[in-house]
Amino acid sequence: MNCFYHSTSPAVGLCKHCQRGLCPECAAVIDDVLACKHRHEDAVQKQEQLSARNLFQSKRVASAYHRNAIFYGLVGALFTGFGALQYRFLGLQAVFFIMIGFLLLYAASANYFEGRKHK
């Protein structure tokens, strides 16, 4: 492949913005990626900053899901345990506590597996 701007020069890479082949004379290196010199440097730099921010946010979201999973798991276990221990005394009210506990345990597992997607 040859350079888009100099058809006789071989390309060393592609511009991240426009995907055109670039020779060493036309290429500008921005954060370890190539951009058309004096044309797309700002756009590529903004793309790289946005990408870095997205990766950072993804890690923050994952930690929030894991924190929620721990909280829901603990509260769900408490509700389920309380309902099981008090079934003899509370009857159907204890079944209600057990159902809430299972619902919270389901929410804990859903949060855990959703958090794993954001790693």
C-alpha atoms as a PDB file:
ATOM      1  CA  MET A   1       0.000   0.000   0.000  1.00  0.00           C
ATOM      2  CA  ASN A   2       1.220   3.493  -0.805  1.00  0.00           C
ATOM      3  CA  CYS A   3       0.740   6.803   0.971  1.00  0.00           C
ATOM      4  CA  PHE A   4      -2.556   8.526   0.215  1.00  0.00           C
ATOM      5  CA  TYR A   5      -0.871  11.917  -0.150  1.00  0.00           C
ATOM      6  CA  HIS A   6       2.349  10.728  -1.869  1.00  0.00           C
ATOM      7  CA  SER A   7       1.423   7.932  -4.250  1.00  0.00           C
ATOM      8  CA  THR A   8       5.063   6.926  -4.840  1.00  0.00           C
ATOM      9  CA  SER A   9       5.987   6.463  -1.149  1.00  0.00           C
ATOM     10  CA  PRO A  10       5.143   3.240   0.698  1.00  0.00           C
ATOM     11  CA  ALA A  11       2.798   3.589   3.660  1.00  0.00           C
ATOM     12  CA  VAL A  12       4.039   2.785   7.169  1.00  0.00           C
ATOM     13  CA  GLY A  13       0.594   2.748   8.771  1.00  0.00           C
ATOM     14  CA  LEU A  14      -2.960   4.024   8.733  1.00  0.00           C
ATOM     15  CA  CYS A  15      -4.425   7.216  10.159  1.00  0.00           C
ATOM     16  CA  LYS A  16      -6.662   6.323  13.096  1.00  0.00           C
ATOM     17  CA  HIS A  17      -9.194   8.972  12.039  1.00  0.00           C
ATOM     18  CA  CYS A  18      -9.557   8.480   8.287  1.00  0.00           C
ATOM     19  CA  GLN A  19      -7.889   5.070   7.778  1.00  0.00           C
ATOM     20  CA  ARG A  20      -5.713   6.373   4.914  1.00  0.00           C
ATOM     21  CA  GLY A  21      -2.224   5.007   4.322  1.00  0.00           C
ATOM     22  CA  LEU A  22       0.563   7.327   5.490  1.00  0.00           C
ATOM     23  CA  CYS A  23       4.268   7.540   4.682  1.00  0.00           C
ATOM     24  CA  PRO A  24       6.786   8.659   7.357  1.00  0.00           C
ATOM     25  CA  GLU A  25       6.609  12.229   6.023  1.00  0.00           C
ATOM     26  CA  CYS A  26       2.810  12.461   6.405  1.00  0.00           C
ATOM     27  CA  ALA A  27       2.447  10.536   9.674  1.00  0.00           C
ATOM     28  CA  ALA A  28       2.241  12.151  13.088  1.00  0.00           C
ATOM     29  CA  VAL A  29       2.498   9.922  16.169  1.00  0.00           C
ATOM     30  CA  ILE A  30      -0.129  10.749  18.798  1.00  0.00           C
ATOM     31  CA  ASP A  31      -0.193   8.525  21.920  1.00  0.00           C
ATOM     32  CA  ASP A  32       1.332   5.558  20.025  1.00  0.00           C
ATOM     33  CA  VAL A  33      -1.101   5.804  17.078  1.00  0.00           C
ATOM     34  CA  LEU A  34      -0.762   7.478  13.700  1.00  0.00           C
ATOM     35  CA  ALA A  35      -2.642  10.496  12.378  1.00  0.00           C
ATOM     36  CA  CYS A  36      -2.464  12.601   9.228  1.00  0.00           C
ATOM     37  CA  LYS A  37       0.061  15.340  10.008  1.00  0.00           C
ATOM     38  CA  HIS A  38      -1.550  18.824  10.208  1.00  0.00           C
ATOM     39  CA  ARG A  39      -4.988  17.331   9.381  1.00  0.00           C
ATOM     40  CA  HIS A  40      -6.284  14.875  11.977  1.00  0.00           C
ATOM     41  CA  GLU A  41      -3.928  15.234  14.929  1.00  0.00           C
ATOM     42  CA  ASP A  42      -6.494  16.925  17.191  1.00  0.00           C
ATOM     43  CA  ALA A  43      -9.249  14.457  16.323  1.00  0.00           C
ATOM     44  CA  VAL A  44      -7.025  11.446  17.038  1.00  0.00           C
ATOM     45  CA  GLN A  45      -5.847  12.942  20.320  1.00  0.00           C
ATOM     46  CA  LYS A  46      -9.470  13.467  21.390  1.00  0.00           C
ATOM     47  CA  GLN A  47     -10.316   9.874  20.399  1.00  0.00           C
ATOM     48  CA  GLU A  48      -7.433   8.563  22.485  1.00  0.00           C
ATOM     49  CA  GLN A  49      -8.468  10.657  25.501  1.00  0.00           C
ATOM     50  CA  LEU A  50     -12.053   9.454  25.176  1.00  0.00           C
ATOM     51  CA  SER A  51     -10.894   5.857  24.942  1.00  0.00           C
ATOM     52  CA  ALA A  52      -8.746   6.232  28.070  1.00  0.00           C
ATOM     53  CA  ARG A  53     -11.659   7.814  29.960  1.00  0.00           C
ATOM     54  CA  ASN A  54     -13.978   4.993  28.899  1.00  0.00           C
ATOM     55  CA  LEU A  55     -11.550   2.369  30.186  1.00  0.00           C
ATOM     56  CA  PHE A  56     -11.267   4.198  33.512  1.00  0.00           C
ATOM     57  CA  GLN A  57     -15.059   4.477  33.836  1.00  0.00           C
ATOM     58  CA  SER A  58     -15.476   0.810  32.995  1.00  0.00           C
ATOM     59  CA  LYS A  59     -13.259  -0.138  35.937  1.00  0.00           C
ATOM     60  CA  ARG A  60     -15.242   2.164  38.231  1.00  0.00           C
ATOM     61  CA  VAL A  61     -18.518   0.601  37.084  1.00  0.00           C
ATOM     62  CA  ALA A  62     -17.141  -2.895  37.684  1.00  0.00           C
ATOM     63  CA  SER A  63     -16.164  -2.030  41.257  1.00  0.00           C
ATOM     64  CA  ALA A  64     -19.642  -0.586  41.909  1.00  0.00           C
ATOM     65  CA  TYR A  65     -21.283  -3.802  40.670  1.00  0.00           C
ATOM     66  CA  HIS A  66     -19.038  -5.904  42.897  1.00  0.00           C
ATOM     67  CA  ARG A  67     -19.732  -3.692  45.909  1.00  0.00           C
ATOM     68  CA  ASN A  68     -23.483  -4.047  45.282  1.00  0.00           C
ATOM     69  CA  ALA A  69     -23.119  -7.811  44.904  1.00  0.00           C
ATOM     70  CA  ILE A  70     -21.470  -8.063  48.324  1.00  0.00           C
ATOM     71  CA  PHE A  71     -24.128  -5.899  49.974  1.00  0.00           C
ATOM     72  CA  TYR A  72     -27.071  -7.726  48.368  1.00  0.00           C
ATOM     73  CA  GLY A  73     -25.490 -11.089  49.192  1.00  0.00           C
ATOM     74  CA  LEU A  74     -25.044 -10.258  52.863  1.00  0.00           C
ATOM     75  CA  VAL A  75     -28.525  -8.783  53.277  1.00  0.00           C
ATOM     76  CA  GLY A  76     -30.054 -11.658  51.308  1.00  0.00           C
ATOM     77  CA  ALA A  77     -28.318 -14.207  53.504  1.00  0.00           C
ATOM     78  CA  LEU A  78     -29.565 -12.380  56.613  1.00  0.00           C
ATOM     79  CA  PHE A  79     -33.163 -12.312  55.378  1.00  0.00           C
ATOM     80  CA  THR A  80     -33.063 -15.961  54.328  1.00  0.00           C
ATOM     81  CA  GLY A  81     -31.464 -17.050  57.590  1.00  0.00           C
ATOM     82  CA  PHE A  82     -33.889 -15.013  59.699  1.00  0.00           C
ATOM     83  CA  GLY A  83     -36.865 -16.413  57.818  1.00  0.00           C
ATOM     84  CA  ALA A  84     -35.599 -19.986  58.178  1.00  0.00           C
ATOM     85  CA  LEU A  85     -34.907 -19.595  61.901  1.00  0.00           C
ATOM     86  CA  GLN A  86     -38.239 -17.881  62.617  1.00  0.00           C
ATOM     87  CA  TYR A  87     -40.440 -20.115  60.446  1.00  0.00           C
ATOM     88  CA  ARG A  88     -41.744 -21.993  63.470  1.00  0.00           C
ATOM     89  CA  PHE A  89     -42.841 -18.790  65.198  1.00  0.00           C
ATOM     90  CA  LEU A  90     -43.899 -16.551  62.295  1.00  0.00           C
ATOM     91  CA  GLY A  91     -45.336 -18.990  59.788  1.00  0.00           C
ATOM     92  CA  LEU A  92     -46.197 -17.297  56.495  1.00  0.00           C
ATOM     93  CA  GLN A  93     -44.423 -14.106  57.492  1.00  0.00           C
ATOM     94  CA  ALA A  94     -41.189 -16.103  57.654  1.00  0.00           C
ATOM     95  CA  VAL A  95     -41.837 -17.355  54.106  1.00  0.00           C
ATOM     96  CA  PHE A  96     -42.059 -13.724  53.047  1.00  0.00           C
ATOM     97  CA  PHE A  97     -38.614 -13.059  54.602  1.00  0.00           C
ATOM     98  CA  ILE A  98     -37.173 -16.110  52.858  1.00  0.00           C
ATOM     99  CA  MET A  99     -38.566 -14.965  49.502  1.00  0.00           C
ATOM    100  CA  ILE A 100     -37.048 -11.501  49.972  1.00  0.00           C
ATOM    101  CA  GLY A 101     -33.751 -13.169  50.884  1.00  0.00           C
ATOM    102  CA  PHE A 102     -33.754 -15.275  47.717  1.00  0.00           C
ATOM    103  CA  LEU A 103     -34.604 -12.211  45.642  1.00  0.00           C
ATOM    104  CA  LEU A 104     -31.657 -10.338  47.163  1.00  0.00           C
ATOM    105  CA  LEU A 105     -29.349 -13.318  46.563  1.00  0.00           C
ATOM    106  CA  TYR A 106     -30.452 -13.350  42.926  1.00  0.00           C
ATOM    107  CA  ALA A 107     -29.713  -9.608  42.717  1.00  0.00           C
ATOM    108  CA  ALA A 108     -26.276 -10.270  44.207  1.00  0.00           C
ATOM    109  CA  SER A 109     -25.441 -12.874  41.592  1.00  0.00           C
ATOM    110  CA  ALA A 110     -26.779 -10.658  38.776  1.00  0.00           C
ATOM    111  CA  ASN A 111     -24.614  -7.749  39.983  1.00  0.00           C
ATOM    112  CA  TYR A 112     -21.556  -9.981  40.290  1.00  0.00           C
ATOM    113  CA  PHE A 113     -21.838 -11.350  36.756  1.00  0.00           C
ATOM    114  CA  GLU A 114     -22.607  -7.913  35.305  1.00  0.00           C
ATOM    115  CA  GLY A 115     -19.516  -6.529  37.018  1.00  0.00           C
ATOM    116  CA  ARG A 116     -17.376  -9.230  35.407  1.00  0.00           C
ATOM    117  CA  LYS A 117     -18.386  -7.929  31.976  1.00  0.00           C
ATOM    118  CA  HIS A 118     -16.725  -4.561  32.673  1.00  0.00           C
ATOM    119  CA  LYS A 119     -13.188  -5.779  33.346  1.00  0.00           C
END
